[in-house]
Amino acid sequence: TVCCNNPLEEDKGSLRTTGQLGSVMEESTKIAHTFAKAFLQEIDPESLFFQRADIHLHVPEGATPKDGPSAGITIITALLSLATDSAVRPNVAMTGEVSLNGKVLAVGGIKEKIIAAQRSGMKSVILPAATKRDFDDVPEFIREELTIHF
């Protein structure tokens, strides 16, 4: 869940995280925030969104512990969606660790993540290019139902 307060008021802007985040995911949220701020300045230099918005990212408790870097591109997408007031298509899944310079890095569990995406009704999946070889392990009948973007 991503929430934003005071996007138009003068402030320093901040990112607060709560919920079930381990240290790796906590680091991923900070990297995602840093990259999203820099990227927004490239595409919209006039935007002051991240300088003014107090953003609260909450990861609710669930059956699966959340302590991996795989959510990096998803968090960036959510932050930029909020900053640009642009909705993300609801049938898109994505995974990938992001470096400080925005390079999307490989993550594990690709087969399982693709199967879960298909079972959840996703139509498109965005994956790191370095995971192409892992995609071959996904059953053909599942691959046929999804559009994959590397």
N, C-alpha and C. Protein backbone atom coordinates (compact mmCIF):
# COMPACT_ATOMS: atom_id res chain seq x y z
N THR A 1 0.84 -1.17 0.00
CA THR A 1 0.00 0.00 0.00
C THR A 1 0.89 1.23 0.00
N VAL A 2 0.63 2.13 -0.91
CA VAL A 2 1.40 3.38 -0.97
C VAL A 2 0.45 4.53 -0.70
N CYS A 3 0.83 5.40 0.22
CA CYS A 3 0.01 6.54 0.62
C CYS A 3 0.86 7.80 0.56
N CYS A 4 0.24 8.90 0.25
CA CYS A 4 1.00 10.15 0.13
C CYS A 4 0.24 11.27 0.84
N ASN A 5 0.96 12.06 1.62
CA ASN A 5 0.38 13.23 2.30
C ASN A 5 1.05 14.50 1.81
N ASN A 6 0.30 15.57 1.76
CA ASN A 6 0.83 16.91 1.48
C ASN A 6 1.64 17.03 0.19
N PRO A 7 1.20 16.50 -0.94
CA PRO A 7 2.03 16.59 -2.13
C PRO A 7 2.19 18.00 -2.67
N LEU A 8 1.38 18.95 -2.23
CA LEU A 8 1.48 20.30 -2.76
C LEU A 8 2.04 21.30 -1.76
N GLU A 9 2.21 20.88 -0.51
CA GLU A 9 2.73 21.80 0.50
C GLU A 9 4.26 21.78 0.50
N GLU A 10 4.85 22.91 0.82
CA GLU A 10 6.31 22.98 0.95
C GLU A 10 6.75 22.07 2.09
N ASP A 11 7.68 21.22 1.83
CA ASP A 11 8.18 20.28 2.81
C ASP A 11 9.44 19.67 2.24
N LYS A 12 10.10 18.84 2.97
CA LYS A 12 11.29 18.18 2.46
C LYS A 12 10.96 16.88 1.73
N GLY A 13 9.80 16.35 1.94
CA GLY A 13 9.45 15.08 1.33
C GLY A 13 10.14 13.96 2.09
N SER A 14 9.46 12.83 2.19
CA SER A 14 10.05 11.71 2.93
C SER A 14 9.44 10.40 2.47
N LEU A 15 10.11 9.33 2.85
CA LEU A 15 9.60 7.98 2.62
C LEU A 15 9.65 7.25 3.95
N ARG A 16 8.50 6.75 4.37
CA ARG A 16 8.43 5.95 5.59
C ARG A 16 7.91 4.58 5.20
N THR A 17 8.49 3.53 5.78
CA THR A 17 8.03 2.18 5.51
C THR A 17 7.61 1.52 6.81
N THR A 18 6.54 0.73 6.71
CA THR A 18 6.06 -0.03 7.85
C THR A 18 5.61 -1.39 7.37
N GLY A 19 5.40 -2.28 8.31
CA GLY A 19 4.90 -3.61 7.98
C GLY A 19 5.99 -4.65 8.01
N GLN A 20 5.77 -5.71 7.27
CA GLN A 20 6.65 -6.87 7.28
C GLN A 20 7.77 -6.73 6.26
N LEU A 21 8.72 -5.88 6.54
CA LEU A 21 9.88 -5.69 5.67
C LEU A 21 11.13 -6.14 6.42
N GLY A 22 11.89 -7.00 5.77
CA GLY A 22 13.19 -7.36 6.32
C GLY A 22 14.21 -6.32 5.89
N SER A 23 15.44 -6.49 6.30
CA SER A 23 16.47 -5.48 6.01
C SER A 23 16.75 -5.35 4.52
N VAL A 24 16.68 -6.46 3.76
CA VAL A 24 16.94 -6.39 2.32
C VAL A 24 15.85 -5.60 1.62
N MET A 25 14.60 -5.84 2.00
CA MET A 25 13.50 -5.12 1.36
C MET A 25 13.48 -3.66 1.80
N GLU A 26 13.86 -3.40 3.02
CA GLU A 26 13.96 -2.01 3.49
C GLU A 26 14.97 -1.26 2.62
N GLU A 27 16.08 -1.89 2.34
CA GLU A 27 17.10 -1.29 1.46
C GLU A 27 16.54 -1.10 0.05
N SER A 28 15.79 -2.08 -0.45
CA SER A 28 15.20 -1.97 -1.79
C SER A 28 14.25 -0.80 -1.89
N THR A 29 13.48 -0.53 -0.83
CA THR A 29 12.55 0.61 -0.89
C THR A 29 13.31 1.92 -0.96
N LYS A 30 14.42 2.01 -0.25
CA LYS A 30 15.21 3.24 -0.28
C LYS A 30 15.84 3.45 -1.66
N ILE A 31 16.35 2.37 -2.25
CA ILE A 31 16.92 2.47 -3.60
C ILE A 31 15.84 2.85 -4.60
N ALA A 32 14.66 2.22 -4.48
CA ALA A 32 13.55 2.53 -5.40
C ALA A 32 13.15 3.99 -5.28
N HIS A 33 13.07 4.51 -4.07
CA HIS A 33 12.69 5.90 -3.85
C HIS A 33 13.73 6.84 -4.46
N THR A 34 15.00 6.55 -4.22
CA THR A 34 16.08 7.37 -4.77
C THR A 34 16.04 7.37 -6.30
N PHE A 35 15.88 6.19 -6.89
CA PHE A 35 15.85 6.12 -8.35
C PHE A 35 14.61 6.81 -8.91
N ALA A 36 13.44 6.59 -8.30
CA ALA A 36 12.20 7.21 -8.78
C ALA A 36 12.31 8.73 -8.76
N LYS A 37 12.90 9.29 -7.71
CA LYS A 37 13.09 10.74 -7.64
C LYS A 37 13.96 11.23 -8.80
N ALA A 38 15.06 10.55 -9.04
CA ALA A 38 15.96 10.95 -10.12
C ALA A 38 15.30 10.80 -11.49
N PHE A 39 14.58 9.70 -11.68
CA PHE A 39 13.93 9.46 -12.96
C PHE A 39 12.83 10.49 -13.23
N LEU A 40 12.06 10.83 -12.21
CA LEU A 40 11.01 11.83 -12.38
C LEU A 40 11.61 13.17 -12.79
N GLN A 41 12.76 13.52 -12.23
CA GLN A 41 13.41 14.78 -12.60
C GLN A 41 13.85 14.75 -14.06
N GLU A 42 14.21 13.58 -14.58
CA GLU A 42 14.56 13.47 -16.00
C GLU A 42 13.36 13.66 -16.90
N ILE A 43 12.24 13.03 -16.54
CA ILE A 43 11.07 13.09 -17.43
C ILE A 43 10.19 14.31 -17.18
N ASP A 44 10.29 14.91 -16.00
CA ASP A 44 9.49 16.09 -15.66
C ASP A 44 10.29 16.98 -14.71
N PRO A 45 11.23 17.74 -15.25
CA PRO A 45 12.11 18.56 -14.41
C PRO A 45 11.38 19.58 -13.53
N GLU A 46 10.17 19.93 -13.90
CA GLU A 46 9.40 20.91 -13.12
C GLU A 46 8.71 20.30 -11.90
N SER A 47 8.64 18.97 -11.87
CA SER A 47 7.91 18.31 -10.79
C SER A 47 8.64 18.47 -9.45
N LEU A 48 7.88 18.79 -8.44
CA LEU A 48 8.40 18.88 -7.08
C LEU A 48 7.78 17.81 -6.19
N PHE A 49 7.17 16.83 -6.83
CA PHE A 49 6.42 15.82 -6.08
C PHE A 49 7.23 15.20 -4.96
N PHE A 50 8.40 14.65 -5.27
CA PHE A 50 9.19 13.95 -4.26
C PHE A 50 9.83 14.90 -3.24
N GLN A 51 9.97 16.17 -3.60
CA GLN A 51 10.50 17.13 -2.64
C GLN A 51 9.43 17.55 -1.63
N ARG A 52 8.18 17.35 -1.97
CA ARG A 52 7.08 17.82 -1.12
C ARG A 52 6.25 16.70 -0.50
N ALA A 53 6.26 15.52 -1.09
CA ALA A 53 5.36 14.45 -0.64
C ALA A 53 5.97 13.64 0.50
N ASP A 54 5.16 13.38 1.49
CA ASP A 54 5.50 12.43 2.54
C ASP A 54 4.84 11.11 2.14
N ILE A 55 5.64 10.15 1.79
CA ILE A 55 5.13 8.88 1.26
C ILE A 55 5.26 7.81 2.33
N HIS A 56 4.20 7.06 2.50
CA HIS A 56 4.17 5.96 3.46
C HIS A 56 3.92 4.67 2.68
N LEU A 57 4.90 3.78 2.69
CA LEU A 57 4.81 2.49 2.02
C LEU A 57 4.61 1.42 3.08
N HIS A 58 3.47 0.75 3.04
CA HIS A 58 3.16 -0.28 4.03
C HIS A 58 3.09 -1.64 3.34
N VAL A 59 3.82 -2.60 3.86
CA VAL A 59 3.78 -3.97 3.36
C VAL A 59 3.08 -4.81 4.42
N PRO A 60 1.82 -5.19 4.14
CA PRO A 60 1.06 -5.91 5.16
C PRO A 60 1.65 -7.30 5.43
N GLU A 61 1.36 -7.78 6.61
CA GLU A 61 1.79 -9.13 6.97
C GLU A 61 1.04 -10.12 6.09
N GLY A 62 1.75 -11.12 5.63
CA GLY A 62 1.13 -12.13 4.79
C GLY A 62 1.77 -13.48 5.05
N ALA A 63 1.36 -14.47 4.29
CA ALA A 63 1.87 -15.82 4.46
C ALA A 63 3.32 -15.93 4.02
N THR A 64 3.73 -15.09 3.07
CA THR A 64 5.08 -15.15 2.55
C THR A 64 5.90 -14.02 3.14
N PRO A 65 7.00 -14.35 3.83
CA PRO A 65 7.85 -13.27 4.34
C PRO A 65 8.40 -12.44 3.18
N LYS A 66 8.51 -11.14 3.40
CA LYS A 66 8.94 -10.24 2.34
C LYS A 66 10.31 -9.68 2.70
N ASP A 67 11.35 -10.37 2.30
CA ASP A 67 12.69 -9.88 2.56
C ASP A 67 13.60 -10.21 1.40
N GLY A 68 13.23 -9.77 0.23
CA GLY A 68 14.08 -9.95 -0.94
C GLY A 68 14.07 -8.69 -1.76
N PRO A 69 14.97 -8.60 -2.72
CA PRO A 69 15.07 -7.40 -3.54
C PRO A 69 14.12 -7.39 -4.74
N SER A 70 13.32 -8.45 -4.90
CA SER A 70 12.52 -8.62 -6.12
C SER A 70 11.49 -7.54 -6.37
N ALA A 71 11.11 -6.81 -5.36
CA ALA A 71 10.06 -5.80 -5.53
C ALA A 71 10.58 -4.46 -6.01
N GLY A 72 11.85 -4.34 -6.28
CA GLY A 72 12.44 -3.06 -6.66
C GLY A 72 11.72 -2.35 -7.79
N ILE A 73 11.53 -3.04 -8.93
CA ILE A 73 10.87 -2.36 -10.05
C ILE A 73 9.39 -2.10 -9.77
N THR A 74 8.80 -2.96 -8.96
CA THR A 74 7.39 -2.75 -8.61
C THR A 74 7.23 -1.51 -7.74
N ILE A 75 8.12 -1.32 -6.79
CA ILE A 75 8.05 -0.14 -5.93
C ILE A 75 8.31 1.13 -6.75
N ILE A 76 9.28 1.09 -7.64
CA ILE A 76 9.55 2.24 -8.50
C ILE A 76 8.31 2.57 -9.33
N THR A 77 7.69 1.54 -9.89
CA THR A 77 6.49 1.75 -10.71
C THR A 77 5.38 2.37 -9.88
N ALA A 78 5.18 1.89 -8.67
CA ALA A 78 4.13 2.44 -7.80
C ALA A 78 4.42 3.89 -7.44
N LEU A 79 5.67 4.19 -7.12
CA LEU A 79 6.02 5.57 -6.77
C LEU A 79 5.85 6.52 -7.95
N LEU A 80 6.28 6.09 -9.13
CA LEU A 80 6.13 6.95 -10.32
C LEU A 80 4.67 7.07 -10.74
N SER A 81 3.89 6.03 -10.53
CA SER A 81 2.46 6.10 -10.80
C SER A 81 1.82 7.16 -9.91
N LEU A 82 2.19 7.14 -8.65
CA LEU A 82 1.67 8.13 -7.70
C LEU A 82 2.13 9.54 -8.07
N ALA A 83 3.41 9.68 -8.40
CA ALA A 83 3.98 11.00 -8.70
C ALA A 83 3.42 11.61 -9.98
N THR A 84 3.09 10.78 -10.95
CA THR A 84 2.61 11.28 -12.24
C THR A 84 1.09 11.16 -12.38
N ASP A 85 0.44 10.64 -11.36
CA ASP A 85 -1.01 10.42 -11.38
C ASP A 85 -1.42 9.60 -12.60
N SER A 86 -0.62 8.55 -12.87
CA SER A 86 -0.87 7.65 -14.00
C SER A 86 -1.08 6.25 -13.47
N ALA A 87 -2.21 5.67 -13.79
CA ALA A 87 -2.51 4.32 -13.32
C ALA A 87 -1.68 3.28 -14.06
N VAL A 88 -1.32 2.23 -13.35
CA VAL A 88 -0.65 1.08 -13.94
C VAL A 88 -1.73 0.07 -14.28
N ARG A 89 -1.60 -0.56 -15.43
CA ARG A 89 -2.59 -1.57 -15.81
C ARG A 89 -2.68 -2.64 -14.72
N PRO A 90 -3.89 -3.04 -14.36
CA PRO A 90 -4.07 -3.96 -13.24
C PRO A 90 -3.70 -5.42 -13.55
N ASN A 91 -3.46 -5.73 -14.82
CA ASN A 91 -3.16 -7.12 -15.17
C ASN A 91 -1.69 -7.33 -15.52
N VAL A 92 -0.82 -6.49 -14.94
CA VAL A 92 0.62 -6.59 -15.18
C VAL A 92 1.32 -6.96 -13.88
N ALA A 93 2.17 -7.98 -13.97
CA ALA A 93 3.01 -8.36 -12.84
C ALA A 93 4.45 -8.06 -13.21
N MET A 94 5.29 -7.83 -12.22
CA MET A 94 6.70 -7.53 -12.50
C MET A 94 7.56 -7.95 -11.33
N THR A 95 8.80 -8.21 -11.63
CA THR A 95 9.77 -8.54 -10.60
C THR A 95 11.15 -8.13 -11.07
N GLY A 96 11.98 -7.71 -10.15
CA GLY A 96 13.34 -7.36 -10.50
C GLY A 96 13.96 -6.45 -9.45
N GLU A 97 15.19 -6.76 -9.11
CA GLU A 97 15.96 -5.91 -8.22
C GLU A 97 16.48 -4.74 -9.03
N VAL A 98 16.58 -3.58 -8.42
CA VAL A 98 17.05 -2.39 -9.13
C VAL A 98 18.29 -1.84 -8.43
N SER A 99 19.30 -1.51 -9.24
CA SER A 99 20.50 -0.89 -8.70
C SER A 99 20.27 0.61 -8.58
N LEU A 100 21.18 1.31 -7.93
CA LEU A 100 21.04 2.77 -7.77
C LEU A 100 21.01 3.51 -9.10
N ASN A 101 21.65 2.95 -10.13
CA ASN A 101 21.63 3.62 -11.43
C ASN A 101 20.48 3.15 -12.31
N GLY A 102 19.58 2.34 -11.76
CA GLY A 102 18.38 1.93 -12.49
C GLY A 102 18.50 0.65 -13.28
N LYS A 103 19.61 -0.03 -13.19
CA LYS A 103 19.74 -1.30 -13.90
C LYS A 103 18.89 -2.35 -13.19
N VAL A 104 18.09 -3.09 -13.97
CA VAL A 104 17.25 -4.13 -13.40
C VAL A 104 18.06 -5.43 -13.37
N LEU A 105 18.22 -5.97 -12.18
CA LEU A 105 19.06 -7.15 -11.96
C LEU A 105 18.21 -8.40 -11.82
N ALA A 106 18.83 -9.53 -12.11
CA ALA A 106 18.14 -10.82 -12.03
C ALA A 106 17.72 -11.13 -10.59
N VAL A 107 16.65 -11.87 -10.47
CA VAL A 107 16.17 -12.36 -9.18
C VAL A 107 15.85 -13.84 -9.34
N GLY A 108 15.67 -14.51 -8.24
CA GLY A 108 15.36 -15.94 -8.28
C GLY A 108 13.87 -16.21 -8.30
N GLY A 109 13.54 -17.50 -8.43
CA GLY A 109 12.15 -17.93 -8.36
C GLY A 109 11.29 -17.52 -9.54
N ILE A 110 11.90 -17.35 -10.71
CA ILE A 110 11.15 -16.86 -11.88
C ILE A 110 10.02 -17.81 -12.25
N LYS A 111 10.29 -19.10 -12.31
CA LYS A 111 9.25 -20.06 -12.68
C LYS A 111 8.05 -19.93 -11.74
N GLU A 112 8.31 -19.91 -10.46
CA GLU A 112 7.23 -19.83 -9.47
C GLU A 112 6.47 -18.51 -9.58
N LYS A 113 7.19 -17.43 -9.82
CA LYS A 113 6.55 -16.12 -9.94
C LYS A 113 5.67 -16.03 -11.18
N ILE A 114 6.12 -16.62 -12.29
CA ILE A 114 5.32 -16.61 -13.52
C ILE A 114 4.07 -17.46 -13.34
N ILE A 115 4.21 -18.60 -12.72
CA ILE A 115 3.04 -19.46 -12.48
C ILE A 115 2.04 -18.74 -11.58
N ALA A 116 2.53 -18.09 -10.53
CA ALA A 116 1.65 -17.34 -9.63
C ALA A 116 0.96 -16.19 -10.36
N ALA A 117 1.68 -15.51 -11.23
CA ALA A 117 1.09 -14.41 -12.00
C ALA A 117 -0.03 -14.92 -12.89
N GLN A 118 0.20 -16.03 -13.56
CA GLN A 118 -0.81 -16.60 -14.45
C GLN A 118 -2.03 -17.03 -13.65
N ARG A 119 -1.82 -17.66 -12.52
CA ARG A 119 -2.93 -18.10 -11.67
C ARG A 119 -3.72 -16.93 -11.10
N SER A 120 -3.07 -15.79 -10.96
CA SER A 120 -3.73 -14.60 -10.42
C SER A 120 -4.44 -13.78 -11.49
N GLY A 121 -4.40 -14.24 -12.73
CA GLY A 121 -5.09 -13.55 -13.80
C GLY A 121 -4.30 -12.48 -14.51
N MET A 122 -3.00 -12.43 -14.27
CA MET A 122 -2.17 -11.45 -14.97
C MET A 122 -2.07 -11.82 -16.45
N LYS A 123 -1.93 -10.81 -17.30
CA LYS A 123 -1.81 -11.04 -18.74
C LYS A 123 -0.40 -10.73 -19.24
N SER A 124 0.31 -9.85 -18.54
CA SER A 124 1.67 -9.47 -18.91
C SER A 124 2.57 -9.59 -17.69
N VAL A 125 3.82 -9.97 -17.95
CA VAL A 125 4.80 -10.06 -16.88
C VAL A 125 6.08 -9.38 -17.36
N ILE A 126 6.63 -8.52 -16.52
CA ILE A 126 7.88 -7.83 -16.82
C ILE A 126 8.97 -8.48 -15.99
N LEU A 127 10.03 -8.96 -16.68
CA LEU A 127 11.12 -9.68 -16.02
C LEU A 127 12.47 -9.07 -16.39
N PRO A 128 13.47 -9.23 -15.52
CA PRO A 128 14.82 -8.81 -15.88
C PRO A 128 15.32 -9.61 -17.08
N ALA A 129 16.05 -8.97 -17.98
CA ALA A 129 16.58 -9.65 -19.17
C ALA A 129 17.46 -10.84 -18.79
N ALA A 130 18.15 -10.75 -17.68
CA ALA A 130 19.05 -11.82 -17.27
C ALA A 130 18.32 -13.09 -16.85
N THR A 131 17.00 -13.06 -16.80
CA THR A 131 16.24 -14.25 -16.39
C THR A 131 15.64 -14.99 -17.58
N LYS A 132 16.02 -14.63 -18.80
CA LYS A 132 15.46 -15.31 -19.98
C LYS A 132 15.66 -16.82 -19.92
N ARG A 133 16.82 -17.25 -19.45
CA ARG A 133 17.10 -18.69 -19.41
C ARG A 133 16.17 -19.40 -18.43
N ASP A 134 15.76 -18.73 -17.35
CA ASP A 134 14.85 -19.32 -16.37
C ASP A 134 13.44 -19.46 -16.94
N PHE A 135 13.12 -18.63 -17.91
CA PHE A 135 11.79 -18.66 -18.53
C PHE A 135 11.55 -19.99 -19.25
N ASP A 136 12.61 -20.62 -19.73
CA ASP A 136 12.47 -21.90 -20.43
C ASP A 136 11.94 -23.00 -19.52
N ASP A 137 12.07 -22.85 -18.21
CA ASP A 137 11.58 -23.84 -17.25
C ASP A 137 10.07 -23.75 -17.02
N VAL A 138 9.45 -22.69 -17.52
CA VAL A 138 8.01 -22.49 -17.32
C VAL A 138 7.25 -23.36 -18.32
N PRO A 139 6.25 -24.10 -17.85
CA PRO A 139 5.47 -24.96 -18.76
C PRO A 139 4.88 -24.16 -19.93
N GLU A 140 4.88 -24.76 -21.09
CA GLU A 140 4.44 -24.10 -22.32
C GLU A 140 3.01 -23.56 -22.21
N PHE A 141 2.09 -24.33 -21.60
CA PHE A 141 0.70 -23.88 -21.53
C PHE A 141 0.56 -22.59 -20.71
N ILE A 142 1.46 -22.36 -19.79
CA ILE A 142 1.44 -21.10 -19.01
C ILE A 142 2.06 -19.98 -19.84
N ARG A 143 3.18 -20.26 -20.50
CA ARG A 143 3.84 -19.25 -21.33
C ARG A 143 2.91 -18.73 -22.42
N GLU A 144 2.06 -19.63 -22.97
CA GLU A 144 1.15 -19.24 -24.05
C GLU A 144 0.10 -18.23 -23.59
N GLU A 145 -0.22 -18.21 -22.30
CA GLU A 145 -1.25 -17.32 -21.79
C GLU A 145 -0.74 -15.94 -21.39
N LEU A 146 0.58 -15.76 -21.40
CA LEU A 146 1.16 -14.51 -20.91
C LEU A 146 1.99 -13.82 -21.98
N THR A 147 2.00 -12.51 -21.91
CA THR A 147 2.94 -11.72 -22.70
C THR A 147 4.09 -11.37 -21.76
N ILE A 148 5.28 -11.78 -22.16
CA ILE A 148 6.46 -11.56 -21.30
C ILE A 148 7.30 -10.45 -21.90
N HIS A 149 7.73 -9.53 -21.06
CA HIS A 149 8.60 -8.43 -21.47
C HIS A 149 9.90 -8.54 -20.68
N PHE A 150 11.00 -8.65 -21.40
CA PHE A 150 12.33 -8.70 -20.75
C PHE A 150 12.99 -7.35 -20.84
